[in-house]
Amino acid sequence: MIKWTKIDKKNLPEETVLAANFKPFTYGYTEKVIGYIHIENDVIICENGHEVLEGCTHYVKVNEFDVKE
């Protein structure tokens, strides 16, 4: 099971993450994006050059999971 980490605006991850918005009744609720997290105008954003997800609430460090055959 994946353990999601709540995003702390004062301690953003610097590596690639899978970010999600788990705040009910908001735009993008339950959507997920792989990318980098940053803050613009007090909004937490994850983007990767092709997609943008605003209002991110949680993340998982994707490099902690390897594909095994």
PDB file of N, CA and C in Angstrom:
ATOM      1  N   MET A   1       0.843  -1.183   0.000  1.00  0.00           N
ATOM      2  CA  MET A   1       0.000   0.000   0.000  1.00  0.00           C
ATOM      3  C   MET A   1       0.890   1.248   0.000  1.00  0.00           C
ATOM      4  N   ILE A   2       0.505   2.230  -0.754  1.00  0.00           N
ATOM      5  CA  ILE A   2       1.258   3.487  -0.834  1.00  0.00           C
ATOM      6  C   ILE A   2       0.838   4.389   0.321  1.00  0.00           C
ATOM      7  N   LYS A   3       1.844   4.952   1.001  1.00  0.00           N
ATOM      8  CA  LYS A   3       1.578   5.895   2.090  1.00  0.00           C
ATOM      9  C   LYS A   3       1.790   7.313   1.555  1.00  0.00           C
ATOM     10  N   TRP A   4       0.722   8.079   1.479  1.00  0.00           N
ATOM     11  CA  TRP A   4       0.782   9.449   1.006  1.00  0.00           C
ATOM     12  C   TRP A   4       1.276  10.361   2.110  1.00  0.00           C
ATOM     13  N   THR A   5       2.097  11.347   1.739  1.00  0.00           N
ATOM     14  CA  THR A   5       2.611  12.340   2.677  1.00  0.00           C
ATOM     15  C   THR A   5       1.889  13.662   2.431  1.00  0.00           C
ATOM     16  N   LYS A   6       1.355  14.244   3.499  1.00  0.00           N
ATOM     17  CA  LYS A   6       0.700  15.549   3.377  1.00  0.00           C
ATOM     18  C   LYS A   6       1.749  16.602   3.041  1.00  0.00           C
ATOM     19  N   ILE A   7       1.430  17.485   2.117  1.00  0.00           N
ATOM     20  CA  ILE A   7       2.383  18.507   1.674  1.00  0.00           C
ATOM     21  C   ILE A   7       2.512  19.600   2.732  1.00  0.00           C
ATOM     22  N   ASP A   8       3.756  19.892   3.087  1.00  0.00           N
ATOM     23  CA  ASP A   8       4.103  20.961   4.019  1.00  0.00           C
ATOM     24  C   ASP A   8       4.703  22.091   3.185  1.00  0.00           C
ATOM     25  N   LYS A   9       4.032  23.222   3.116  1.00  0.00           N
ATOM     26  CA  LYS A   9       4.499  24.344   2.292  1.00  0.00           C
ATOM     27  C   LYS A   9       5.901  24.810   2.658  1.00  0.00           C
ATOM     28  N   LYS A  10       6.317  24.575   3.896  1.00  0.00           N
ATOM     29  CA  LYS A  10       7.641  25.017   4.341  1.00  0.00           C
ATOM     30  C   LYS A  10       8.719  23.973   4.086  1.00  0.00           C
ATOM     31  N   ASN A  11       8.325  22.794   3.608  1.00  0.00           N
ATOM     32  CA  ASN A  11       9.285  21.719   3.392  1.00  0.00           C
ATOM     33  C   ASN A  11       8.889  20.904   2.154  1.00  0.00           C
ATOM     34  N   LEU A  12       8.933  21.541   0.984  1.00  0.00           N
ATOM     35  CA  LEU A  12       8.531  20.878  -0.256  1.00  0.00           C
ATOM     36  C   LEU A  12       9.592  19.878  -0.709  1.00  0.00           C
ATOM     37  N   PRO A  13       9.175  18.744  -1.257  1.00  0.00           N
ATOM     38  CA  PRO A  13      10.141  17.788  -1.790  1.00  0.00           C
ATOM     39  C   PRO A  13      10.823  18.364  -3.021  1.00  0.00           C
ATOM     40  N   GLU A  14      12.091  18.039  -3.210  1.00  0.00           N
ATOM     41  CA  GLU A  14      12.837  18.561  -4.353  1.00  0.00           C
ATOM     42  C   GLU A  14      12.934  17.556  -5.494  1.00  0.00           C
ATOM     43  N   GLU A  15      12.548  16.309  -5.233  1.00  0.00           N
ATOM     44  CA  GLU A  15      12.647  15.277  -6.260  1.00  0.00           C
ATOM     45  C   GLU A  15      11.295  15.075  -6.960  1.00  0.00           C
ATOM     46  N   THR A  16      11.296  14.212  -7.970  1.00  0.00           N
ATOM     47  CA  THR A  16      10.075  13.877  -8.700  1.00  0.00           C
ATOM     48  C   THR A  16       9.107  13.155  -7.767  1.00  0.00           C
ATOM     49  N   VAL A  17       7.839  13.577  -7.819  1.00  0.00           N
ATOM     50  CA  VAL A  17       6.823  12.977  -6.964  1.00  0.00           C
ATOM     51  C   VAL A  17       5.571  12.652  -7.772  1.00  0.00           C
ATOM     52  N   LEU A  18       4.756  11.804  -7.202  1.00  0.00           N
ATOM     53  CA  LEU A  18       3.385  11.620  -7.661  1.00  0.00           C
ATOM     54  C   LEU A  18       2.549  12.449  -6.704  1.00  0.00           C
ATOM     55  N   ALA A  19       1.937  13.513  -7.204  1.00  0.00           N
ATOM     56  CA  ALA A  19       1.168  14.417  -6.353  1.00  0.00           C
ATOM     57  C   ALA A  19      -0.319  14.244  -6.642  1.00  0.00           C
ATOM     58  N   ALA A  20      -1.125  14.518  -5.621  1.00  0.00           N
ATOM     59  CA  ALA A  20      -2.569  14.373  -5.760  1.00  0.00           C
ATOM     60  C   ALA A  20      -3.286  15.463  -4.979  1.00  0.00           C
ATOM     61  N   ASN A  21      -4.531  15.688  -5.375  1.00  0.00           N
ATOM     62  CA  ASN A  21      -5.409  16.595  -4.653  1.00  0.00           C
ATOM     63  C   ASN A  21      -6.471  15.738  -3.982  1.00  0.00           C
ATOM     64  N   PHE A  22      -6.414  15.622  -2.658  1.00  0.00           N
ATOM     65  CA  PHE A  22      -7.382  14.840  -1.917  1.00  0.00           C
ATOM     66  C   PHE A  22      -8.339  15.721  -1.109  1.00  0.00           C
ATOM     67  N   LYS A  23      -8.521  16.969  -1.551  1.00  0.00           N
ATOM     68  CA  LYS A  23      -9.444  17.862  -0.852  1.00  0.00           C
ATOM     69  C   LYS A  23     -10.806  17.787  -1.557  1.00  0.00           C
ATOM     70  N   PRO A  24     -11.818  17.197  -0.896  1.00  0.00           N
ATOM     71  CA  PRO A  24     -13.135  17.037  -1.520  1.00  0.00           C
ATOM     72  C   PRO A  24     -13.747  18.356  -1.985  1.00  0.00           C
ATOM     73  N   PHE A  25     -14.537  18.253  -3.034  1.00  0.00           N
ATOM     74  CA  PHE A  25     -15.293  19.377  -3.587  1.00  0.00           C
ATOM     75  C   PHE A  25     -14.413  20.476  -4.176  1.00  0.00           C
ATOM     76  N   THR A  26     -13.186  20.129  -4.609  1.00  0.00           N
ATOM     77  CA  THR A  26     -12.315  21.100  -5.256  1.00  0.00           C
ATOM     78  C   THR A  26     -12.012  20.629  -6.671  1.00  0.00           C
ATOM     79  N   TYR A  27     -11.607  21.569  -7.525  1.00  0.00           N
ATOM     80  CA  TYR A  27     -11.240  21.222  -8.897  1.00  0.00           C
ATOM     81  C   TYR A  27     -10.026  20.301  -8.866  1.00  0.00           C
ATOM     82  N   GLY A  28     -10.099  19.194  -9.580  1.00  0.00           N
ATOM     83  CA  GLY A  28      -8.988  18.252  -9.639  1.00  0.00           C
ATOM     84  C   GLY A  28      -8.995  17.230  -8.518  1.00  0.00           C
ATOM     85  N   TYR A  29     -10.093  17.155  -7.756  1.00  0.00           N
ATOM     86  CA  TYR A  29     -10.181  16.204  -6.643  1.00  0.00           C
ATOM     87  C   TYR A  29      -9.909  14.789  -7.134  1.00  0.00           C
ATOM     88  N   THR A  30      -9.016  14.099  -6.490  1.00  0.00           N
ATOM     89  CA  THR A  30      -8.538  12.730  -6.759  1.00  0.00           C
ATOM     90  C   THR A  30      -7.648  12.620  -7.997  1.00  0.00           C
ATOM     91  N   GLU A  31      -7.367  13.715  -8.687  1.00  0.00           N
ATOM     92  CA  GLU A  31      -6.435  13.656  -9.819  1.00  0.00           C
ATOM     93  C   GLU A  31      -5.007  13.529  -9.313  1.00  0.00           C
ATOM     94  N   LYS A  32      -4.165  12.924 -10.157  1.00  0.00           N
ATOM     95  CA  LYS A  32      -2.760  12.706  -9.798  1.00  0.00           C
ATOM     96  C   LYS A  32      -1.860  13.085 -10.966  1.00  0.00           C
ATOM     97  N   VAL A  33      -0.661  13.601 -10.660  1.00  0.00           N
ATOM     98  CA  VAL A  33       0.318  14.001 -11.677  1.00  0.00           C
ATOM     99  C   VAL A  33       1.714  13.668 -11.163  1.00  0.00           C
ATOM    100  N   ILE A  34       2.549  13.157 -12.050  1.00  0.00           N
ATOM    101  CA  ILE A  34       3.966  12.958 -11.726  1.00  0.00           C
ATOM    102  C   ILE A  34       4.710  14.199 -12.172  1.00  0.00           C
ATOM    103  N   GLY A  35       5.489  14.794 -11.272  1.00  0.00           N
ATOM    104  CA  GLY A  35       6.233  16.000 -11.616  1.00  0.00           C
ATOM    105  C   GLY A  35       6.941  16.582 -10.411  1.00  0.00           C
ATOM    106  N   TYR A  36       7.112  17.895 -10.449  1.00  0.00           N
ATOM    107  CA  TYR A  36       7.803  18.624  -9.390  1.00  0.00           C
ATOM    108  C   TYR A  36       6.830  19.584  -8.729  1.00  0.00           C
ATOM    109  N   ILE A  37       6.890  19.695  -7.409  1.00  0.00           N
ATOM    110  CA  ILE A  37       5.990  20.552  -6.650  1.00  0.00           C
ATOM    111  C   ILE A  37       6.631  21.917  -6.415  1.00  0.00           C
ATOM    112  N   HIS A  38       5.821  22.952  -6.583  1.00  0.00           N
ATOM    113  CA  HIS A  38       6.239  24.313  -6.243  1.00  0.00           C
ATOM    114  C   HIS A  38       5.002  25.112  -5.860  1.00  0.00           C
ATOM    115  N   ILE A  39       5.209  26.324  -5.385  1.00  0.00           N
ATOM    116  CA  ILE A  39       4.099  27.182  -4.960  1.00  0.00           C
ATOM    117  C   ILE A  39       4.073  28.437  -5.821  1.00  0.00           C
ATOM    118  N   GLU A  40       2.865  28.771  -6.316  1.00  0.00           N
ATOM    119  CA  GLU A  40       2.633  30.020  -7.046  1.00  0.00           C
ATOM    120  C   GLU A  40       1.401  30.683  -6.451  1.00  0.00           C
ATOM    121  N   ASN A  41       1.528  31.918  -6.043  1.00  0.00           N
ATOM    122  CA  ASN A  41       0.409  32.670  -5.466  1.00  0.00           C
ATOM    123  C   ASN A  41      -0.285  31.883  -4.352  1.00  0.00           C
ATOM    124  N   ASP A  42       0.504  31.251  -3.502  1.00  0.00           N
ATOM    125  CA  ASP A  42       0.033  30.493  -2.340  1.00  0.00           C
ATOM    126  C   ASP A  42      -0.754  29.231  -2.719  1.00  0.00           C
ATOM    127  N   VAL A  43      -0.622  28.775  -3.987  1.00  0.00           N
ATOM    128  CA  VAL A  43      -1.263  27.548  -4.448  1.00  0.00           C
ATOM    129  C   VAL A  43      -0.177  26.510  -4.694  1.00  0.00           C
ATOM    130  N   ILE A  44      -0.372  25.303  -4.157  1.00  0.00           N
ATOM    131  CA  ILE A  44       0.595  24.220  -4.354  1.00  0.00           C
ATOM    132  C   ILE A  44       0.319  23.568  -5.705  1.00  0.00           C
ATOM    133  N   ILE A  45       1.356  23.517  -6.543  1.00  0.00           N
ATOM    134  CA  ILE A  45       1.231  23.043  -7.918  1.00  0.00           C
ATOM    135  C   ILE A  45       2.242  21.936  -8.171  1.00  0.00           C
ATOM    136  N   CYS A  46       1.815  20.921  -8.932  1.00  0.00           N
ATOM    137  CA  CYS A  46       2.727  19.902  -9.430  1.00  0.00           C
ATOM    138  C   CYS A  46       2.651  19.950 -10.951  1.00  0.00           C
ATOM    139  N   GLU A  47       3.817  20.039 -11.596  1.00  0.00           N
ATOM    140  CA  GLU A  47       3.812  20.064 -13.061  1.00  0.00           C
ATOM    141  C   GLU A  47       5.014  19.331 -13.615  1.00  0.00           C
ATOM    142  N   ASN A  48       4.886  18.950 -14.889  1.00  0.00           N
ATOM    143  CA  ASN A  48       5.933  18.148 -15.512  1.00  0.00           C
ATOM    144  C   ASN A  48       6.257  18.559 -16.943  1.00  0.00           C
ATOM    145  N   GLY A  49       5.765  19.659 -17.414  1.00  0.00           N
ATOM    146  CA  GLY A  49       6.025  20.097 -18.778  1.00  0.00           C
ATOM    147  C   GLY A  49       4.871  19.788 -19.722  1.00  0.00           C
ATOM    148  N   HIS A  50       4.001  18.869 -19.331  1.00  0.00           N
ATOM    149  CA  HIS A  50       2.832  18.508 -20.145  1.00  0.00           C
ATOM    150  C   HIS A  50       1.522  18.683 -19.381  1.00  0.00           C
ATOM    151  N   GLU A  51       1.598  18.528 -18.057  1.00  0.00           N
ATOM    152  CA  GLU A  51       0.410  18.589 -17.223  1.00  0.00           C
ATOM    153  C   GLU A  51       0.669  19.463 -16.008  1.00  0.00           C
ATOM    154  N   VAL A  52      -0.417  20.054 -15.499  1.00  0.00           N
ATOM    155  CA  VAL A  52      -0.340  20.882 -14.290  1.00  0.00           C
ATOM    156  C   VAL A  52      -1.511  20.481 -13.397  1.00  0.00           C
ATOM    157  N   LEU A  53      -1.220  20.262 -12.121  1.00  0.00           N
ATOM    158  CA  LEU A  53      -2.277  20.007 -11.141  1.00  0.00           C
ATOM    159  C   LEU A  53      -2.133  21.034 -10.033  1.00  0.00           C
ATOM    160  N   GLU A  54      -3.163  21.846  -9.863  1.00  0.00           N
ATOM    161  CA  GLU A  54      -3.173  22.858  -8.813  1.00  0.00           C
ATOM    162  C   GLU A  54      -3.907  22.325  -7.590  1.00  0.00           C
ATOM    163  N   GLY A  55      -3.589  22.862  -6.442  1.00  0.00           N
ATOM    164  CA  GLY A  55      -4.272  22.488  -5.209  1.00  0.00           C
ATOM    165  C   GLY A  55      -3.843  21.139  -4.667  1.00  0.00           C
ATOM    166  N   CYS A  56      -2.612  20.758  -4.942  1.00  0.00           N
ATOM    167  CA  CYS A  56      -2.113  19.464  -4.456  1.00  0.00           C
ATOM    168  C   CYS A  56      -2.100  19.451  -2.935  1.00  0.00           C
ATOM    169  N   THR A  57      -2.435  18.291  -2.374  1.00  0.00           N
ATOM    170  CA  THR A  57      -2.480  18.155  -0.917  1.00  0.00           C
ATOM    171  C   THR A  57      -1.517  17.098  -0.391  1.00  0.00           C
ATOM    172  N   HIS A  58      -1.186  16.090  -1.231  1.00  0.00           N
ATOM    173  CA  HIS A  58      -0.352  14.972  -0.792  1.00  0.00           C
ATOM    174  C   HIS A  58       0.596  14.549  -1.909  1.00  0.00           C
ATOM    175  N   TYR A  59       1.647  13.820  -1.525  1.00  0.00           N
ATOM    176  CA  TYR A  59       2.585  13.312  -2.515  1.00  0.00           C
ATOM    177  C   TYR A  59       3.212  11.995  -2.070  1.00  0.00           C
ATOM    178  N   VAL A  60       3.811  11.320  -3.053  1.00  0.00           N
ATOM    179  CA  VAL A  60       4.602  10.108  -2.839  1.00  0.00           C
ATOM    180  C   VAL A  60       5.881  10.291  -3.643  1.00  0.00           C
ATOM    181  N   LYS A  61       7.024   9.992  -3.054  1.00  0.00           N
ATOM    182  CA  LYS A  61       8.292  10.069  -3.774  1.00  0.00           C
ATOM    183  C   LYS A  61       8.367   8.873  -4.723  1.00  0.00           C
ATOM    184  N   VAL A  62       8.303   9.121  -6.027  1.00  0.00           N
ATOM    185  CA  VAL A  62       8.226   8.013  -6.996  1.00  0.00           C
ATOM    186  C   VAL A  62       9.509   7.204  -7.069  1.00  0.00           C
ATOM    187  N   ASN A  63      10.648   7.788  -6.760  1.00  0.00           N
ATOM    188  CA  ASN A  63      11.907   7.053  -6.859  1.00  0.00           C
ATOM    189  C   ASN A  63      12.094   6.035  -5.742  1.00  0.00           C
ATOM    190  N   GLU A  64      11.203   6.029  -4.762  1.00  0.00           N
ATOM    191  CA  GLU A  64      11.275   5.032  -3.699  1.00  0.00           C
ATOM    192  C   GLU A  64      10.657   3.704  -4.118  1.00  0.00           C
ATOM    193  N   PHE A  65      10.007   3.684  -5.271  1.00  0.00           N
ATOM    194  CA  PHE A  65       9.345   2.475  -5.755  1.00  0.00           C
ATOM    195  C   PHE A  65       9.977   2.028  -7.062  1.00  0.00           C
ATOM    196  N   ASP A  66      10.477   0.820  -7.088  1.00  0.00           N
ATOM    197  CA  ASP A  66      11.071   0.262  -8.294  1.00  0.00           C
ATOM    198  C   ASP A  66      10.156  -0.824  -8.853  1.00  0.00           C
ATOM    199  N   VAL A  67      10.189  -0.951 -10.168  1.00  0.00           N
ATOM    200  CA  VAL A  67       9.439  -2.002 -10.812  1.00  0.00           C
ATOM    201  C   VAL A  67      10.238  -3.297 -10.692  1.00  0.00           C
ATOM    202  N   LYS A  68       9.586  -4.341 -10.228  1.00  0.00           N
ATOM    203  CA  LYS A  68      10.263  -5.636 -10.092  1.00  0.00           C
ATOM    204  C   LYS A  68       9.550  -6.640 -10.981  1.00  0.00           C
ATOM    205  N   GLU A  69      10.345  -7.469 -11.603  1.00  0.00           N
ATOM    206  CA  GLU A  69       9.756  -8.506 -12.471  1.00  0.00           C
ATOM    207  C   GLU A  69       9.580  -9.784 -11.722  1.00  0.00           C
TER     208      GLU A  69
END
